[in-house]
Amino acid sequence: MHSDQGFQYQHTSWRLLLQNAGAVQSMSRKANCYDNAVIENFFGHLKEELFHRVRFLNTEALRAALHEYIHWYNTERISTKLKGLSPVQYRAQTLAA
């Protein structure tokens, strides 16, 4: 779970909640908004492309939709920032060079 260093994310109750859920906490460096830029961009796309005006009947439906979305985002969704390629295609091209 990545977040900024807000008070609520440093609080013991939040840290215990994450620990009990088996999650690992990660925080941005102090006063560095660029640490969150990539994930904030991803979450913006996720909200607009998956959650906008959608209600999930249960957590399993949400889980399945998230897995499907992440697979699609990484393997099929093209990005102009990645020269019209998906993240997987762009990475493969970069590694092959």
PDB file of N, CA and C in Angstrom:
ATOM      1  N   MET A   1       0.852  -1.167   0.000  1.00  0.00           N
ATOM      2  CA  MET A   1       0.000   0.000   0.000  1.00  0.00           C
ATOM      3  C   MET A   1       0.893   1.224   0.000  1.00  0.00           C
ATOM      4  N   HIS A   2       0.880   1.976  -1.090  1.00  0.00           N
ATOM      5  CA  HIS A   2       1.711   3.174  -1.185  1.00  0.00           C
ATOM      6  C   HIS A   2       0.871   4.405  -0.903  1.00  0.00           C
ATOM      7  N   SER A   3       1.419   5.320  -0.125  1.00  0.00           N
ATOM      8  CA  SER A   3       0.722   6.559   0.201  1.00  0.00           C
ATOM      9  C   SER A   3       1.742   7.662   0.429  1.00  0.00           C
ATOM     10  N   ASP A   4       1.205   8.852   0.652  1.00  0.00           N
ATOM     11  CA  ASP A   4       2.086   9.934   1.082  1.00  0.00           C
ATOM     12  C   ASP A   4       2.313   9.775   2.591  1.00  0.00           C
ATOM     13  N   GLN A   5       2.958  10.754   3.205  1.00  0.00           N
ATOM     14  CA  GLN A   5       3.259  10.640   4.631  1.00  0.00           C
ATOM     15  C   GLN A   5       2.236  11.342   5.515  1.00  0.00           C
ATOM     16  N   GLY A   6       1.004  11.387   5.067  1.00  0.00           N
ATOM     17  CA  GLY A   6      -0.056  12.000   5.854  1.00  0.00           C
ATOM     18  C   GLY A   6      -0.195  11.353   7.222  1.00  0.00           C
ATOM     19  N   PHE A   7      -0.684  12.137   8.165  1.00  0.00           N
ATOM     20  CA  PHE A   7      -0.832  11.669   9.551  1.00  0.00           C
ATOM     21  C   PHE A   7      -1.614  10.364   9.625  1.00  0.00           C
ATOM     22  N   GLN A   8      -2.718  10.297   8.858  1.00  0.00           N
ATOM     23  CA  GLN A   8      -3.568   9.103   8.919  1.00  0.00           C
ATOM     24  C   GLN A   8      -2.833   7.847   8.475  1.00  0.00           C
ATOM     25  N   TYR A   9      -1.849   7.995   7.567  1.00  0.00           N
ATOM     26  CA  TYR A   9      -1.109   6.832   7.081  1.00  0.00           C
ATOM     27  C   TYR A   9       0.035   6.435   8.009  1.00  0.00           C
ATOM     28  N   GLN A  10       0.406   7.332   8.908  1.00  0.00           N
ATOM     29  CA  GLN A  10       1.443   7.026   9.890  1.00  0.00           C
ATOM     30  C   GLN A  10       0.848   6.508  11.193  1.00  0.00           C
ATOM     31  N   HIS A  11      -0.448   6.653  11.356  1.00  0.00           N
ATOM     32  CA  HIS A  11      -1.113   6.293  12.606  1.00  0.00           C
ATOM     33  C   HIS A  11      -1.027   4.787  12.865  1.00  0.00           C
ATOM     34  N   THR A  12      -0.867   4.427  14.118  1.00  0.00           N
ATOM     35  CA  THR A  12      -0.729   3.028  14.523  1.00  0.00           C
ATOM     36  C   THR A  12      -1.902   2.174  14.066  1.00  0.00           C
ATOM     37  N   SER A  13      -3.120   2.706  14.155  1.00  0.00           N
ATOM     38  CA  SER A  13      -4.287   1.903  13.767  1.00  0.00           C
ATOM     39  C   SER A  13      -4.244   1.541  12.283  1.00  0.00           C
ATOM     40  N   TRP A  14      -3.776   2.453  11.434  1.00  0.00           N
ATOM     41  CA  TRP A  14      -3.657   2.175   9.995  1.00  0.00           C
ATOM     42  C   TRP A  14      -2.576   1.137   9.734  1.00  0.00           C
ATOM     43  N   ARG A  15      -1.447   1.299  10.420  1.00  0.00           N
ATOM     44  CA  ARG A  15      -0.345   0.351  10.242  1.00  0.00           C
ATOM     45  C   ARG A  15      -0.743  -1.061  10.681  1.00  0.00           C
ATOM     46  N   LEU A  16      -1.488  -1.149  11.769  1.00  0.00           N
ATOM     47  CA  LEU A  16      -1.962  -2.457  12.236  1.00  0.00           C
ATOM     48  C   LEU A  16      -2.968  -3.062  11.266  1.00  0.00           C
ATOM     49  N   LEU A  17      -3.841  -2.236  10.714  1.00  0.00           N
ATOM     50  CA  LEU A  17      -4.818  -2.712   9.736  1.00  0.00           C
ATOM     51  C   LEU A  17      -4.106  -3.317   8.530  1.00  0.00           C
ATOM     52  N   LEU A  18      -3.086  -2.622   8.026  1.00  0.00           N
ATOM     53  CA  LEU A  18      -2.317  -3.137   6.903  1.00  0.00           C
ATOM     54  C   LEU A  18      -1.590  -4.427   7.265  1.00  0.00           C
ATOM     55  N   GLN A  19      -0.959  -4.420   8.421  1.00  0.00           N
ATOM     56  CA  GLN A  19      -0.216  -5.603   8.863  1.00  0.00           C
ATOM     57  C   GLN A  19      -1.137  -6.807   8.987  1.00  0.00           C
ATOM     58  N   ASN A  20      -2.302  -6.621   9.585  1.00  0.00           N
ATOM     59  CA  ASN A  20      -3.256  -7.719   9.756  1.00  0.00           C
ATOM     60  C   ASN A  20      -3.813  -8.215   8.427  1.00  0.00           C
ATOM     61  N   ALA A  21      -3.813  -7.343   7.412  1.00  0.00           N
ATOM     62  CA  ALA A  21      -4.291  -7.741   6.086  1.00  0.00           C
ATOM     63  C   ALA A  21      -3.172  -8.359   5.250  1.00  0.00           C
ATOM     64  N   GLY A  22      -1.953  -8.388   5.799  1.00  0.00           N
ATOM     65  CA  GLY A  22      -0.823  -8.946   5.072  1.00  0.00           C
ATOM     66  C   GLY A  22      -0.251  -7.988   4.035  1.00  0.00           C
ATOM     67  N   ALA A  23      -0.572  -6.704   4.162  1.00  0.00           N
ATOM     68  CA  ALA A  23      -0.097  -5.703   3.198  1.00  0.00           C
ATOM     69  C   ALA A  23       1.212  -5.086   3.687  1.00  0.00           C
ATOM     70  N   VAL A  24       2.000  -4.632   2.750  1.00  0.00           N
ATOM     71  CA  VAL A  24       3.263  -3.959   3.059  1.00  0.00           C
ATOM     72  C   VAL A  24       3.068  -2.475   2.821  1.00  0.00           C
ATOM     73  N   GLN A  25       3.478  -1.678   3.770  1.00  0.00           N
ATOM     74  CA  GLN A  25       3.316  -0.231   3.646  1.00  0.00           C
ATOM     75  C   GLN A  25       4.524   0.395   2.966  1.00  0.00           C
ATOM     76  N   SER A  26       4.240   1.360   2.107  1.00  0.00           N
ATOM     77  CA  SER A  26       5.260   2.118   1.409  1.00  0.00           C
ATOM     78  C   SER A  26       4.838   3.575   1.425  1.00  0.00           C
ATOM     79  N   MET A  27       5.779   4.468   1.678  1.00  0.00           N
ATOM     80  CA  MET A  27       5.448   5.894   1.695  1.00  0.00           C
ATOM     81  C   MET A  27       6.389   6.685   0.808  1.00  0.00           C
ATOM     82  N   SER A  28       5.847   7.762   0.259  1.00  0.00           N
ATOM     83  CA  SER A  28       6.656   8.685  -0.528  1.00  0.00           C
ATOM     84  C   SER A  28       7.690   9.347   0.360  1.00  0.00           C
ATOM     85  N   ARG A  29       8.730   9.847  -0.292  1.00  0.00           N
ATOM     86  CA  ARG A  29       9.685  10.642   0.455  1.00  0.00           C
ATOM     87  C   ARG A  29       9.019  11.946   0.873  1.00  0.00           C
ATOM     88  N   LYS A  30       9.450  12.500   1.966  1.00  0.00           N
ATOM     89  CA  LYS A  30       8.852  13.720   2.490  1.00  0.00           C
ATOM     90  C   LYS A  30       8.953  14.845   1.461  1.00  0.00           C
ATOM     91  N   ALA A  31       7.836  15.514   1.238  1.00  0.00           N
ATOM     92  CA  ALA A  31       7.738  16.674   0.346  1.00  0.00           C
ATOM     93  C   ALA A  31       8.143  16.348  -1.094  1.00  0.00           C
ATOM     94  N   ASN A  32       7.852  15.116  -1.551  1.00  0.00           N
ATOM     95  CA  ASN A  32       8.188  14.747  -2.912  1.00  0.00           C
ATOM     96  C   ASN A  32       6.958  14.163  -3.594  1.00  0.00           C
ATOM     97  N   CYS A  33       6.211  15.013  -4.266  1.00  0.00           N
ATOM     98  CA  CYS A  33       4.970  14.562  -4.917  1.00  0.00           C
ATOM     99  C   CYS A  33       5.240  13.647  -6.109  1.00  0.00           C
ATOM    100  N   TYR A  34       6.437  13.662  -6.639  1.00  0.00           N
ATOM    101  CA  TYR A  34       6.741  12.851  -7.817  1.00  0.00           C
ATOM    102  C   TYR A  34       6.758  11.355  -7.513  1.00  0.00           C
ATOM    103  N   ASP A  35       6.949  10.974  -6.256  1.00  0.00           N
ATOM    104  CA  ASP A  35       6.928   9.553  -5.896  1.00  0.00           C
ATOM    105  C   ASP A  35       5.579   8.913  -6.206  1.00  0.00           C
ATOM    106  N   ASN A  36       4.509   9.675  -6.101  1.00  0.00           N
ATOM    107  CA  ASN A  36       3.164   9.145  -6.304  1.00  0.00           C
ATOM    108  C   ASN A  36       2.630   9.370  -7.711  1.00  0.00           C
ATOM    109  N   ALA A  37       3.339  10.096  -8.544  1.00  0.00           N
ATOM    110  CA  ALA A  37       2.798  10.514  -9.838  1.00  0.00           C
ATOM    111  C   ALA A  37       2.357   9.337 -10.703  1.00  0.00           C
ATOM    112  N   VAL A  38       3.144   8.302 -10.810  1.00  0.00           N
ATOM    113  CA  VAL A  38       2.814   7.182 -11.688  1.00  0.00           C
ATOM    114  C   VAL A  38       1.574   6.449 -11.188  1.00  0.00           C
ATOM    115  N   ILE A  39       1.523   6.158  -9.907  1.00  0.00           N
ATOM    116  CA  ILE A  39       0.367   5.418  -9.390  1.00  0.00           C
ATOM    117  C   ILE A  39      -0.882   6.292  -9.372  1.00  0.00           C
ATOM    118  N   GLU A  40      -0.728   7.591  -9.118  1.00  0.00           N
ATOM    119  CA  GLU A  40      -1.876   8.491  -9.186  1.00  0.00           C
ATOM    120  C   GLU A  40      -2.449   8.503 -10.601  1.00  0.00           C
ATOM    121  N   ASN A  41      -1.592   8.496 -11.598  1.00  0.00           N
ATOM    122  CA  ASN A  41      -2.037   8.448 -12.987  1.00  0.00           C
ATOM    123  C   ASN A  41      -2.799   7.145 -13.249  1.00  0.00           C
ATOM    124  N   PHE A  42      -2.245   6.019 -12.789  1.00  0.00           N
ATOM    125  CA  PHE A  42      -2.921   4.733 -12.970  1.00  0.00           C
ATOM    126  C   PHE A  42      -4.295   4.735 -12.296  1.00  0.00           C
ATOM    127  N   PHE A  43      -4.365   5.217 -11.051  1.00  0.00           N
ATOM    128  CA  PHE A  43      -5.640   5.222 -10.337  1.00  0.00           C
ATOM    129  C   PHE A  43      -6.661   6.130 -11.029  1.00  0.00           C
ATOM    130  N   GLY A  44      -6.200   7.215 -11.627  1.00  0.00           N
ATOM    131  CA  GLY A  44      -7.107   8.074 -12.386  1.00  0.00           C
ATOM    132  C   GLY A  44      -7.732   7.311 -13.545  1.00  0.00           C
ATOM    133  N   HIS A  45      -6.912   6.555 -14.274  1.00  0.00           N
ATOM    134  CA  HIS A  45      -7.430   5.731 -15.365  1.00  0.00           C
ATOM    135  C   HIS A  45      -8.359   4.639 -14.836  1.00  0.00           C
ATOM    136  N   LEU A  46      -7.963   4.000 -13.763  1.00  0.00           N
ATOM    137  CA  LEU A  46      -8.774   2.932 -13.165  1.00  0.00           C
ATOM    138  C   LEU A  46     -10.166   3.450 -12.796  1.00  0.00           C
ATOM    139  N   LYS A  47     -10.212   4.591 -12.133  1.00  0.00           N
ATOM    140  CA  LYS A  47     -11.505   5.159 -11.722  1.00  0.00           C
ATOM    141  C   LYS A  47     -12.372   5.478 -12.933  1.00  0.00           C
ATOM    142  N   GLU A  48     -11.783   6.096 -13.943  1.00  0.00           N
ATOM    143  CA  GLU A  48     -12.557   6.503 -15.120  1.00  0.00           C
ATOM    144  C   GLU A  48     -12.966   5.305 -15.980  1.00  0.00           C
ATOM    145  N   GLU A  49     -12.087   4.355 -16.156  1.00  0.00           N
ATOM    146  CA  GLU A  49     -12.334   3.253 -17.088  1.00  0.00           C
ATOM    147  C   GLU A  49     -13.015   2.038 -16.465  1.00  0.00           C
ATOM    148  N   LEU A  50     -12.929   1.890 -15.163  1.00  0.00           N
ATOM    149  CA  LEU A  50     -13.545   0.712 -14.534  1.00  0.00           C
ATOM    150  C   LEU A  50     -14.665   1.069 -13.561  1.00  0.00           C
ATOM    151  N   PHE A  51     -14.462   2.060 -12.723  1.00  0.00           N
ATOM    152  CA  PHE A  51     -15.416   2.333 -11.654  1.00  0.00           C
ATOM    153  C   PHE A  51     -16.504   3.336 -11.999  1.00  0.00           C
ATOM    154  N   HIS A  52     -16.278   4.164 -13.015  1.00  0.00           N
ATOM    155  CA  HIS A  52     -17.218   5.237 -13.317  1.00  0.00           C
ATOM    156  C   HIS A  52     -18.627   4.691 -13.571  1.00  0.00           C
ATOM    157  N   ARG A  53     -19.557   5.028 -12.697  1.00  0.00           N
ATOM    158  CA  ARG A  53     -20.974   4.638 -12.796  1.00  0.00           C
ATOM    159  C   ARG A  53     -21.210   3.126 -12.732  1.00  0.00           C
ATOM    160  N   VAL A  54     -20.332   2.413 -12.052  1.00  0.00           N
ATOM    161  CA  VAL A  54     -20.477   0.958 -11.943  1.00  0.00           C
ATOM    162  C   VAL A  54     -20.657   0.575 -10.474  1.00  0.00           C
ATOM    163  N   ARG A  55     -21.575  -0.336 -10.228  1.00  0.00           N
ATOM    164  CA  ARG A  55     -21.763  -0.901  -8.894  1.00  0.00           C
ATOM    165  C   ARG A  55     -21.475  -2.390  -8.978  1.00  0.00           C
ATOM    166  N   PHE A  56     -20.667  -2.867  -8.040  1.00  0.00           N
ATOM    167  CA  PHE A  56     -20.339  -4.289  -8.001  1.00  0.00           C
ATOM    168  C   PHE A  56     -21.247  -4.968  -6.977  1.00  0.00           C
ATOM    169  N   LEU A  57     -21.740  -6.120  -7.329  1.00  0.00           N
ATOM    170  CA  LEU A  57     -22.686  -6.827  -6.470  1.00  0.00           C
ATOM    171  C   LEU A  57     -22.041  -7.367  -5.205  1.00  0.00           C
ATOM    172  N   ASN A  58     -20.739  -7.706  -5.290  1.00  0.00           N
ATOM    173  CA  ASN A  58     -20.041  -8.252  -4.129  1.00  0.00           C
ATOM    174  C   ASN A  58     -18.540  -8.078  -4.329  1.00  0.00           C
ATOM    175  N   THR A  59     -17.778  -8.427  -3.320  1.00  0.00           N
ATOM    176  CA  THR A  59     -16.327  -8.244  -3.398  1.00  0.00           C
ATOM    177  C   THR A  59     -15.693  -9.174  -4.433  1.00  0.00           C
ATOM    178  N   GLU A  60     -16.268 -10.338  -4.660  1.00  0.00           N
ATOM    179  CA  GLU A  60     -15.719 -11.245  -5.670  1.00  0.00           C
ATOM    180  C   GLU A  60     -15.865 -10.654  -7.068  1.00  0.00           C
ATOM    181  N   ALA A  61     -16.989 -10.011  -7.336  1.00  0.00           N
ATOM    182  CA  ALA A  61     -17.184  -9.350  -8.635  1.00  0.00           C
ATOM    183  C   ALA A  61     -16.181  -8.205  -8.798  1.00  0.00           C
ATOM    184  N   LEU A  62     -15.946  -7.461  -7.728  1.00  0.00           N
ATOM    185  CA  LEU A  62     -14.955  -6.384  -7.754  1.00  0.00           C
ATOM    186  C   LEU A  62     -13.554  -6.949  -7.996  1.00  0.00           C
ATOM    187  N   ARG A  63     -13.213  -8.003  -7.291  1.00  0.00           N
ATOM    188  CA  ARG A  63     -11.897  -8.633  -7.429  1.00  0.00           C
ATOM    189  C   ARG A  63     -11.684  -9.113  -8.866  1.00  0.00           C
ATOM    190  N   ALA A  64     -12.674  -9.773  -9.427  1.00  0.00           N
ATOM    191  CA  ALA A  64     -12.563 -10.279 -10.794  1.00  0.00           C
ATOM    192  C   ALA A  64     -12.414  -9.126 -11.788  1.00  0.00           C
ATOM    193  N   ALA A  65     -13.191  -8.065 -11.601  1.00  0.00           N
ATOM    194  CA  ALA A  65     -13.111  -6.908 -12.499  1.00  0.00           C
ATOM    195  C   ALA A  65     -11.745  -6.239 -12.402  1.00  0.00           C
ATOM    196  N   LEU A  66     -11.194  -6.141 -11.202  1.00  0.00           N
ATOM    197  CA  LEU A  66      -9.868  -5.545 -11.031  1.00  0.00           C
ATOM    198  C   LEU A  66      -8.791  -6.373 -11.725  1.00  0.00           C
ATOM    199  N   HIS A  67      -8.825  -7.670 -11.535  1.00  0.00           N
ATOM    200  CA  HIS A  67      -7.846  -8.548 -12.187  1.00  0.00           C
ATOM    201  C   HIS A  67      -7.949  -8.434 -13.709  1.00  0.00           C
ATOM    202  N   GLU A  68      -9.160  -8.426 -14.208  1.00  0.00           N
ATOM    203  CA  GLU A  68      -9.385  -8.320 -15.647  1.00  0.00           C
ATOM    204  C   GLU A  68      -8.879  -6.966 -16.170  1.00  0.00           C
ATOM    205  N   TYR A  69      -9.179  -5.893 -15.427  1.00  0.00           N
ATOM    206  CA  TYR A  69      -8.757  -4.552 -15.837  1.00  0.00           C
ATOM    207  C   TYR A  69      -7.231  -4.447 -15.859  1.00  0.00           C
ATOM    208  N   ILE A  70      -6.580  -4.920 -14.830  1.00  0.00           N
ATOM    209  CA  ILE A  70      -5.115  -4.826 -14.756  1.00  0.00           C
ATOM    210  C   ILE A  70      -4.468  -5.617 -15.889  1.00  0.00           C
ATOM    211  N   HIS A  71      -5.010  -6.795 -16.182  1.00  0.00           N
ATOM    212  CA  HIS A  71      -4.491  -7.577 -17.307  1.00  0.00           C
ATOM    213  C   HIS A  71      -4.666  -6.803 -18.618  1.00  0.00           C
ATOM    214  N   TRP A  72      -5.854  -6.250 -18.836  1.00  0.00           N
ATOM    215  CA  TRP A  72      -6.130  -5.471 -20.042  1.00  0.00           C
ATOM    216  C   TRP A  72      -5.221  -4.237 -20.104  1.00  0.00           C
ATOM    217  N   TYR A  73      -5.090  -3.544 -18.988  1.00  0.00           N
ATOM    218  CA  TYR A  73      -4.270  -2.321 -18.939  1.00  0.00           C
ATOM    219  C   TYR A  73      -2.819  -2.633 -19.324  1.00  0.00           C
ATOM    220  N   ASN A  74      -2.294  -3.718 -18.823  1.00  0.00           N
ATOM    221  CA  ASN A  74      -0.894  -4.063 -19.074  1.00  0.00           C
ATOM    222  C   ASN A  74      -0.645  -4.669 -20.454  1.00  0.00           C
ATOM    223  N   THR A  75      -1.611  -5.401 -20.980  1.00  0.00           N
ATOM    224  CA  THR A  75      -1.338  -6.147 -22.211  1.00  0.00           C
ATOM    225  C   THR A  75      -2.006  -5.606 -23.467  1.00  0.00           C
ATOM    226  N   GLU A  76      -3.106  -4.887 -23.332  1.00  0.00           N
ATOM    227  CA  GLU A  76      -3.859  -4.463 -24.512  1.00  0.00           C
ATOM    228  C   GLU A  76      -4.049  -2.957 -24.642  1.00  0.00           C
ATOM    229  N   ARG A  77      -4.172  -2.256 -23.555  1.00  0.00           N
ATOM    230  CA  ARG A  77      -4.460  -0.816 -23.593  1.00  0.00           C
ATOM    231  C   ARG A  77      -3.232  -0.063 -24.102  1.00  0.00           C
ATOM    232  N   ILE A  78      -3.392   0.628 -25.220  1.00  0.00           N
ATOM    233  CA  ILE A  78      -2.258   1.366 -25.759  1.00  0.00           C
ATOM    234  C   ILE A  78      -2.152   2.738 -25.092  1.00  0.00           C
ATOM    235  N   SER A  79      -0.956   3.279 -25.115  1.00  0.00           N
ATOM    236  CA  SER A  79      -0.699   4.577 -24.500  1.00  0.00           C
ATOM    237  C   SER A  79       0.126   5.431 -25.464  1.00  0.00           C
ATOM    238  N   THR A  80      -0.287   6.663 -25.643  1.00  0.00           N
ATOM    239  CA  THR A  80       0.490   7.557 -26.506  1.00  0.00           C
ATOM    240  C   THR A  80       1.860   7.833 -25.902  1.00  0.00           C
ATOM    241  N   LYS A  81       1.948   7.838 -24.585  1.00  0.00           N
ATOM    242  CA  LYS A  81       3.247   8.052 -23.924  1.00  0.00           C
ATOM    243  C   LYS A  81       4.209   6.890 -24.172  1.00  0.00           C
ATOM    244  N   LEU A  82       3.654   5.740 -24.505  1.00  0.00           N
ATOM    245  CA  LEU A  82       4.481   4.560 -24.790  1.00  0.00           C
ATOM    246  C   LEU A  82       4.530   4.286 -26.293  1.00  0.00           C
ATOM    247  N   LYS A  83       4.404   5.343 -27.081  1.00  0.00           N
ATOM    248  CA  LYS A  83       4.510   5.261 -28.551  1.00  0.00           C
ATOM    249  C   LYS A  83       3.459   4.329 -29.163  1.00  0.00           C
ATOM    250  N   GLY A  84       2.241   4.345 -28.615  1.00  0.00           N
ATOM    251  CA  GLY A  84       1.153   3.546 -29.163  1.00  0.00           C
ATOM    252  C   GLY A  84       1.193   2.080 -28.793  1.00  0.00           C
ATOM    253  N   LEU A  85       1.999   1.733 -27.798  1.00  0.00           N
ATOM    254  CA  LEU A  85       2.118   0.347 -27.352  1.00  0.00           C
ATOM    255  C   LEU A  85       1.482   0.169 -25.982  1.00  0.00           C
ATOM    256  N   SER A  86       1.202  -1.082 -25.627  1.00  0.00           N
ATOM    257  CA  SER A  86       0.770  -1.388 -24.258  1.00  0.00           C
ATOM    258  C   SER A  86       2.021  -1.424 -23.380  1.00  0.00           C
ATOM    259  N   PRO A  87       1.874  -1.343 -22.063  1.00  0.00           N
ATOM    260  CA  PRO A  87       3.054  -1.431 -21.191  1.00  0.00           C
ATOM    261  C   PRO A  87       3.891  -2.690 -21.427  1.00  0.00           C
ATOM    262  N   VAL A  88       3.254  -3.844 -21.627  1.00  0.00           N
ATOM    263  CA  VAL A  88       3.998  -5.085 -21.857  1.00  0.00           C
ATOM    264  C   VAL A  88       4.754  -5.020 -23.186  1.00  0.00           C
ATOM    265  N   GLN A  89       4.101  -4.519 -24.227  1.00  0.00           N
ATOM    266  CA  GLN A  89       4.762  -4.396 -25.527  1.00  0.00           C
ATOM    267  C   GLN A  89       5.942  -3.427 -25.456  1.00  0.00           C
ATOM    268  N   TYR A  90       5.727  -2.313 -24.766  1.00  0.00           N
ATOM    269  CA  TYR A  90       6.784  -1.299 -24.652  1.00  0.00           C
ATOM    270  C   TYR A  90       7.994  -1.848 -23.897  1.00  0.00           C
ATOM    271  N   ARG A  91       7.717  -2.560 -22.827  1.00  0.00           N
ATOM    272  CA  ARG A  91       8.799  -3.146 -22.036  1.00  0.00           C
ATOM    273  C   ARG A  91       9.574  -4.185 -22.856  1.00  0.00           C
ATOM    274  N   ALA A  92       8.851  -5.029 -23.561  1.00  0.00           N
ATOM    275  CA  ALA A  92       9.499  -6.051 -24.388  1.00  0.00           C
ATOM    276  C   ALA A  92      10.379  -5.401 -25.462  1.00  0.00           C
ATOM    277  N   GLN A  93       9.869  -4.355 -26.077  1.00  0.00           N
ATOM    278  CA  GLN A  93      10.636  -3.652 -27.109  1.00  0.00           C
ATOM    279  C   GLN A  93      11.895  -3.019 -26.519  1.00  0.00           C
ATOM    280  N   THR A  94      11.748  -2.429 -25.343  1.00  0.00           N
ATOM    281  CA  THR A  94      12.883  -1.776 -24.681  1.00  0.00           C
ATOM    282  C   THR A  94      13.939  -2.805 -24.280  1.00  0.00           C
ATOM    283  N   LEU A  95      13.504  -3.941 -23.753  1.00  0.00           N
ATOM    284  CA  LEU A  95      14.452  -4.980 -23.338  1.00  0.00           C
ATOM    285  C   LEU A  95      15.148  -5.625 -24.529  1.00  0.00           C
ATOM    286  N   ALA A  96      14.474  -5.682 -25.666  1.00  0.00           N
ATOM    287  CA  ALA A  96      15.054  -6.297 -26.854  1.00  0.00           C
ATOM    288  C   ALA A  96      16.117  -5.401 -27.501  1.00  0.00           C
ATOM    289  N   ALA A  97      16.019  -4.094 -27.241  1.00  0.00           N
ATOM    290  CA  ALA A  97      16.953  -3.147 -27.879  1.00  0.00           C
ATOM    291  C   ALA A  97      18.345  -3.211 -27.284  1.00  0.00           C
TER     292      ALA A  97
END
